[in-house]
Amino acid sequence: MRDLFGDYQRQLFLLDHAGLPLKTVLEQIDLLGAEVVPVLRKELATDRPASVPTPRHTPPA
């Protein structure tokens, strides 16, 4: 995505699609926070242009 759209700070995820059961939605949120977001943060931090500020809610390394 970076190659197509450049550096970005926000990503929208649709978790409750077509009335999924609550348990499934909560599992997706847990998976997103544990597996996906840390990888995205690491990848987006690589070669971040100086003009793009560091995200405010980045957890300590």
PDB file of N, CA and C in Angstrom:
ATOM      1  N   MET A   1       0.822  -1.202   0.000  1.00  0.00           N
ATOM      2  CA  MET A   1       0.000   0.000   0.000  1.00  0.00           C
ATOM      3  C   MET A   1       0.860   1.258   0.000  1.00  0.00           C
ATOM      4  N   ARG A   2       1.985   1.193   0.694  1.00  0.00           N
ATOM      5  CA  ARG A   2       2.838   2.376   0.743  1.00  0.00           C
ATOM      6  C   ARG A   2       3.294   2.776  -0.655  1.00  0.00           C
ATOM      7  N   ASP A   3       3.591   1.788  -1.484  1.00  0.00           N
ATOM      8  CA  ASP A   3       4.033   2.096  -2.848  1.00  0.00           C
ATOM      9  C   ASP A   3       2.944   2.805  -3.645  1.00  0.00           C
ATOM     10  N   LEU A   4       1.686   2.465  -3.385  1.00  0.00           N
ATOM     11  CA  LEU A   4       0.580   3.069  -4.120  1.00  0.00           C
ATOM     12  C   LEU A   4       0.116   4.392  -3.527  1.00  0.00           C
ATOM     13  N   PHE A   5       0.073   4.469  -2.188  1.00  0.00           N
ATOM     14  CA  PHE A   5      -0.561   5.618  -1.540  1.00  0.00           C
ATOM     15  C   PHE A   5       0.381   6.474  -0.716  1.00  0.00           C
ATOM     16  N   GLY A   6       1.623   6.056  -0.555  1.00  0.00           N
ATOM     17  CA  GLY A   6       2.559   6.816   0.254  1.00  0.00           C
ATOM     18  C   GLY A   6       2.406   6.482   1.729  1.00  0.00           C
ATOM     19  N   ASP A   7       3.083   7.247   2.563  1.00  0.00           N
ATOM     20  CA  ASP A   7       3.033   7.002   4.001  1.00  0.00           C
ATOM     21  C   ASP A   7       1.693   7.467   4.557  1.00  0.00           C
ATOM     22  N   TYR A   8       1.134   6.687   5.441  1.00  0.00           N
ATOM     23  CA  TYR A   8      -0.143   7.069   6.034  1.00  0.00           C
ATOM     24  C   TYR A   8      -0.146   6.708   7.512  1.00  0.00           C
ATOM     25  N   GLN A   9      -1.011   7.339   8.264  1.00  0.00           N
ATOM     26  CA  GLN A   9      -1.046   7.186   9.714  1.00  0.00           C
ATOM     27  C   GLN A   9      -2.283   6.442  10.209  1.00  0.00           C
ATOM     28  N   ARG A  10      -3.288   6.282   9.411  1.00  0.00           N
ATOM     29  CA  ARG A  10      -4.547   5.684   9.859  1.00  0.00           C
ATOM     30  C   ARG A  10      -4.967   4.561   8.933  1.00  0.00           C
ATOM     31  N   GLN A  11      -5.572   3.546   9.517  1.00  0.00           N
ATOM     32  CA  GLN A  11      -6.099   2.421   8.754  1.00  0.00           C
ATOM     33  C   GLN A  11      -7.460   2.067   9.344  1.00  0.00           C
ATOM     34  N   LEU A  12      -8.429   1.858   8.505  1.00  0.00           N
ATOM     35  CA  LEU A  12      -9.775   1.495   8.943  1.00  0.00           C
ATOM     36  C   LEU A  12      -9.997   0.016   8.664  1.00  0.00           C
ATOM     37  N   PHE A  13     -10.453  -0.704   9.671  1.00  0.00           N
ATOM     38  CA  PHE A  13     -10.749  -2.125   9.520  1.00  0.00           C
ATOM     39  C   PHE A  13     -12.228  -2.352   9.796  1.00  0.00           C
ATOM     40  N   LEU A  14     -12.876  -3.104   8.949  1.00  0.00           N
ATOM     41  CA  LEU A  14     -14.274  -3.474   9.148  1.00  0.00           C
ATOM     42  C   LEU A  14     -14.293  -4.823   9.851  1.00  0.00           C
ATOM     43  N   LEU A  15     -14.746  -4.845  11.105  1.00  0.00           N
ATOM     44  CA  LEU A  15     -14.700  -6.067  11.899  1.00  0.00           C
ATOM     45  C   LEU A  15     -16.060  -6.729  12.061  1.00  0.00           C
ATOM     46  N   ASP A  16     -17.114  -5.970  11.991  1.00  0.00           N
ATOM     47  CA  ASP A  16     -18.455  -6.517  12.198  1.00  0.00           C
ATOM     48  C   ASP A  16     -19.185  -6.531  10.862  1.00  0.00           C
ATOM     49  N   HIS A  17     -18.750  -7.390   9.981  1.00  0.00           N
ATOM     50  CA  HIS A  17     -19.307  -7.425   8.634  1.00  0.00           C
ATOM     51  C   HIS A  17     -20.446  -8.438   8.558  1.00  0.00           C
ATOM     52  N   ALA A  18     -21.564  -8.007   8.047  1.00  0.00           N
ATOM     53  CA  ALA A  18     -22.721  -8.874   7.785  1.00  0.00           C
ATOM     54  C   ALA A  18     -23.232  -9.567   9.036  1.00  0.00           C
ATOM     55  N   GLY A  19     -23.146  -8.890  10.170  1.00  0.00           N
ATOM     56  CA  GLY A  19     -23.731  -9.430  11.395  1.00  0.00           C
ATOM     57  C   GLY A  19     -23.004 -10.629  11.976  1.00  0.00           C
ATOM     58  N   LEU A  20     -21.684 -10.617  11.937  1.00  0.00           N
ATOM     59  CA  LEU A  20     -20.923 -11.713  12.540  1.00  0.00           C
ATOM     60  C   LEU A  20     -21.261 -11.842  14.022  1.00  0.00           C
ATOM     61  N   PRO A  21     -21.163 -13.040  14.577  1.00  0.00           N
ATOM     62  CA  PRO A  21     -21.406 -13.206  16.013  1.00  0.00           C
ATOM     63  C   PRO A  21     -20.401 -12.394  16.835  1.00  0.00           C
ATOM     64  N   LEU A  22     -20.835 -11.899  17.985  1.00  0.00           N
ATOM     65  CA  LEU A  22     -19.989 -11.075  18.847  1.00  0.00           C
ATOM     66  C   LEU A  22     -18.669 -11.772  19.158  1.00  0.00           C
ATOM     67  N   LYS A  23     -18.708 -13.062  19.445  1.00  0.00           N
ATOM     68  CA  LYS A  23     -17.488 -13.802  19.772  1.00  0.00           C
ATOM     69  C   LYS A  23     -16.479 -13.711  18.627  1.00  0.00           C
ATOM     70  N   THR A  24     -16.937 -13.838  17.412  1.00  0.00           N
ATOM     71  CA  THR A  24     -16.055 -13.759  16.241  1.00  0.00           C
ATOM     72  C   THR A  24     -15.462 -12.363  16.102  1.00  0.00           C
ATOM     73  N   VAL A  25     -16.278 -11.345  16.287  1.00  0.00           N
ATOM     74  CA  VAL A  25     -15.801  -9.963  16.193  1.00  0.00           C
ATOM     75  C   VAL A  25     -14.741  -9.698  17.252  1.00  0.00           C
ATOM     76  N   LEU A  26     -14.978 -10.133  18.477  1.00  0.00           N
ATOM     77  CA  LEU A  26     -14.013  -9.913  19.551  1.00  0.00           C
ATOM     78  C   LEU A  26     -12.709 -10.670  19.280  1.00  0.00           C
ATOM     79  N   GLU A  27     -12.809 -11.861  18.727  1.00  0.00           N
ATOM     80  CA  GLU A  27     -11.607 -12.620  18.359  1.00  0.00           C
ATOM     81  C   GLU A  27     -10.825 -11.884  17.277  1.00  0.00           C
ATOM     82  N   GLN A  28     -11.529 -11.294  16.325  1.00  0.00           N
ATOM     83  CA  GLN A  28     -10.867 -10.527  15.267  1.00  0.00           C
ATOM     84  C   GLN A  28     -10.150  -9.308  15.836  1.00  0.00           C
ATOM     85  N   ILE A  29     -10.773  -8.635  16.777  1.00  0.00           N
ATOM     86  CA  ILE A  29     -10.145  -7.470  17.413  1.00  0.00           C
ATOM     87  C   ILE A  29      -8.883  -7.892  18.148  1.00  0.00           C
ATOM     88  N   ASP A  30      -8.958  -8.995  18.890  1.00  0.00           N
ATOM     89  CA  ASP A  30      -7.782  -9.496  19.603  1.00  0.00           C
ATOM     90  C   ASP A  30      -6.660  -9.848  18.631  1.00  0.00           C
ATOM     91  N   LEU A  31      -6.997 -10.530  17.552  1.00  0.00           N
ATOM     92  CA  LEU A  31      -6.006 -10.912  16.546  1.00  0.00           C
ATOM     93  C   LEU A  31      -5.396  -9.684  15.883  1.00  0.00           C
ATOM     94  N   LEU A  32      -6.219  -8.728  15.560  1.00  0.00           N
ATOM     95  CA  LEU A  32      -5.741  -7.490  14.950  1.00  0.00           C
ATOM     96  C   LEU A  32      -4.728  -6.796  15.857  1.00  0.00           C
ATOM     97  N   GLY A  33      -5.067  -6.669  17.144  1.00  0.00           N
ATOM     98  CA  GLY A  33      -4.175  -5.984  18.079  1.00  0.00           C
ATOM     99  C   GLY A  33      -2.907  -6.751  18.381  1.00  0.00           C
ATOM    100  N   ALA A  34      -2.985  -8.067  18.407  1.00  0.00           N
ATOM    101  CA  ALA A  34      -1.828  -8.886  18.781  1.00  0.00           C
ATOM    102  C   ALA A  34      -0.918  -9.212  17.599  1.00  0.00           C
ATOM    103  N   GLU A  35      -1.484  -9.416  16.416  1.00  0.00           N
ATOM    104  CA  GLU A  35      -0.703  -9.907  15.290  1.00  0.00           C
ATOM    105  C   GLU A  35      -0.518  -8.892  14.158  1.00  0.00           C
ATOM    106  N   VAL A  36      -1.534  -8.119  13.858  1.00  0.00           N
ATOM    107  CA  VAL A  36      -1.486  -7.261  12.667  1.00  0.00           C
ATOM    108  C   VAL A  36      -0.912  -5.883  12.974  1.00  0.00           C
ATOM    109  N   VAL A  37      -1.436  -5.218  13.983  1.00  0.00           N
ATOM    110  CA  VAL A  37      -1.023  -3.847  14.281  1.00  0.00           C
ATOM    111  C   VAL A  37       0.471  -3.739  14.599  1.00  0.00           C
ATOM    112  N   PRO A  38       1.039  -4.636  15.407  1.00  0.00           N
ATOM    113  CA  PRO A  38       2.485  -4.520  15.658  1.00  0.00           C
ATOM    114  C   PRO A  38       3.331  -4.618  14.382  1.00  0.00           C
ATOM    115  N   VAL A  39       2.937  -5.478  13.466  1.00  0.00           N
ATOM    116  CA  VAL A  39       3.674  -5.608  12.203  1.00  0.00           C
ATOM    117  C   VAL A  39       3.511  -4.342  11.359  1.00  0.00           C
ATOM    118  N   LEU A  40       2.293  -3.817  11.292  1.00  0.00           N
ATOM    119  CA  LEU A  40       2.076  -2.572  10.547  1.00  0.00           C
ATOM    120  C   LEU A  40       2.900  -1.431  11.121  1.00  0.00           C
ATOM    121  N   ARG A  41       2.917  -1.303  12.441  1.00  0.00           N
ATOM    122  CA  ARG A  41       3.698  -0.224  13.064  1.00  0.00           C
ATOM    123  C   ARG A  41       5.177  -0.358  12.735  1.00  0.00           C
ATOM    124  N   LYS A  42       5.681  -1.577  12.814  1.00  0.00           N
ATOM    125  CA  LYS A  42       7.094  -1.806  12.522  1.00  0.00           C
ATOM    126  C   LYS A  42       7.407  -1.480  11.060  1.00  0.00           C
ATOM    127  N   GLU A  43       6.577  -1.965  10.156  1.00  0.00           N
ATOM    128  CA  GLU A  43       6.807  -1.727   8.734  1.00  0.00           C
ATOM    129  C   GLU A  43       6.690  -0.247   8.374  1.00  0.00           C
ATOM    130  N   LEU A  44       5.701   0.425   8.940  1.00  0.00           N
ATOM    131  CA  LEU A  44       5.502   1.838   8.598  1.00  0.00           C
ATOM    132  C   LEU A  44       6.576   2.731   9.203  1.00  0.00           C
ATOM    133  N   ALA A  45       7.214   2.267  10.284  1.00  0.00           N
ATOM    134  CA  ALA A  45       8.298   3.041  10.888  1.00  0.00           C
ATOM    135  C   ALA A  45       9.559   2.990  10.027  1.00  0.00           C
ATOM    136  N   THR A  46       9.680   1.939   9.219  1.00  0.00           N
ATOM    137  CA  THR A  46      10.837   1.781   8.347  1.00  0.00           C
ATOM    138  C   THR A  46      10.793   2.828   7.240  1.00  0.00           C
ATOM    139  N   ASP A  47      11.834   3.577   7.139  1.00  0.00           N
ATOM    140  CA  ASP A  47      11.951   4.588   6.079  1.00  0.00           C
ATOM    141  C   ASP A  47      10.835   5.633   6.104  1.00  0.00           C
ATOM    142  N   ARG A  48      10.326   5.947   7.304  1.00  0.00           N
ATOM    143  CA  ARG A  48       9.303   7.002   7.403  1.00  0.00           C
ATOM    144  C   ARG A  48       9.945   8.329   7.025  1.00  0.00           C
ATOM    145  N   PRO A  49       9.366   9.045   6.080  1.00  0.00           N
ATOM    146  CA  PRO A  49       9.929  10.340   5.700  1.00  0.00           C
ATOM    147  C   PRO A  49       9.962  11.295   6.890  1.00  0.00           C
ATOM    148  N   ALA A  50      10.953  12.155   6.913  1.00  0.00           N
ATOM    149  CA  ALA A  50      11.094  13.118   8.010  1.00  0.00           C
ATOM    150  C   ALA A  50       9.876  14.030   8.116  1.00  0.00           C
ATOM    151  N   SER A  51       9.166  14.215   7.021  1.00  0.00           N
ATOM    152  CA  SER A  51       8.001  15.097   7.029  1.00  0.00           C
ATOM    153  C   SER A  51       6.762  14.451   7.665  1.00  0.00           C
ATOM    154  N   VAL A  52       6.828  13.142   7.928  1.00  0.00           N
ATOM    155  CA  VAL A  52       5.692  12.433   8.518  1.00  0.00           C
ATOM    156  C   VAL A  52       5.959  12.266  10.006  1.00  0.00           C
ATOM    157  N   PRO A  53       5.098  12.813  10.863  1.00  0.00           N
ATOM    158  CA  PRO A  53       5.346  12.727  12.301  1.00  0.00           C
ATOM    159  C   PRO A  53       5.205  11.303  12.828  1.00  0.00           C
ATOM    160  N   THR A  54       5.886  11.023  13.927  1.00  0.00           N
ATOM    161  CA  THR A  54       5.756   9.744  14.604  1.00  0.00           C
ATOM    162  C   THR A  54       4.356   9.671  15.215  1.00  0.00           C
ATOM    163  N   PRO A  55       3.666   8.554  15.078  1.00  0.00           N
ATOM    164  CA  PRO A  55       2.329   8.442  15.665  1.00  0.00           C
ATOM    165  C   PRO A  55       2.354   8.695  17.173  1.00  0.00           C
ATOM    166  N   ARG A  56       1.347   9.359  17.678  1.00  0.00           N
ATOM    167  CA  ARG A  56       1.289   9.705  19.092  1.00  0.00           C
ATOM    168  C   ARG A  56       1.066   8.501  19.984  1.00  0.00           C
ATOM    169  N   HIS A  57       0.404   7.485  19.481  1.00  0.00           N
ATOM    170  CA  HIS A  57       0.038   6.348  20.325  1.00  0.00           C
ATOM    171  C   HIS A  57       0.920   5.134  20.092  1.00  0.00           C
ATOM    172  N   THR A  58       2.165   5.366  19.735  1.00  0.00           N
ATOM    173  CA  THR A  58       3.081   4.254  19.523  1.00  0.00           C
ATOM    174  C   THR A  58       3.555   3.741  20.879  1.00  0.00           C
ATOM    175  N   PRO A  59       3.368   2.449  21.142  1.00  0.00           N
ATOM    176  CA  PRO A  59       3.811   1.917  22.433  1.00  0.00           C
ATOM    177  C   PRO A  59       5.331   1.864  22.503  1.00  0.00           C
ATOM    178  N   PRO A  60       5.876   1.880  23.715  1.00  0.00           N
ATOM    179  CA  PRO A  60       7.336   1.810  23.849  1.00  0.00           C
ATOM    180  C   PRO A  60       7.874   0.503  23.287  1.00  0.00           C
ATOM    181  N   ALA A  61       9.069   0.543  22.756  1.00  0.00           N
ATOM    182  CA  ALA A  61       9.688  -0.671  22.170  1.00  0.00           C
ATOM    183  C   ALA A  61      10.164  -1.622  23.239  1.00  0.00           C
TER     184      ALA A  61
END
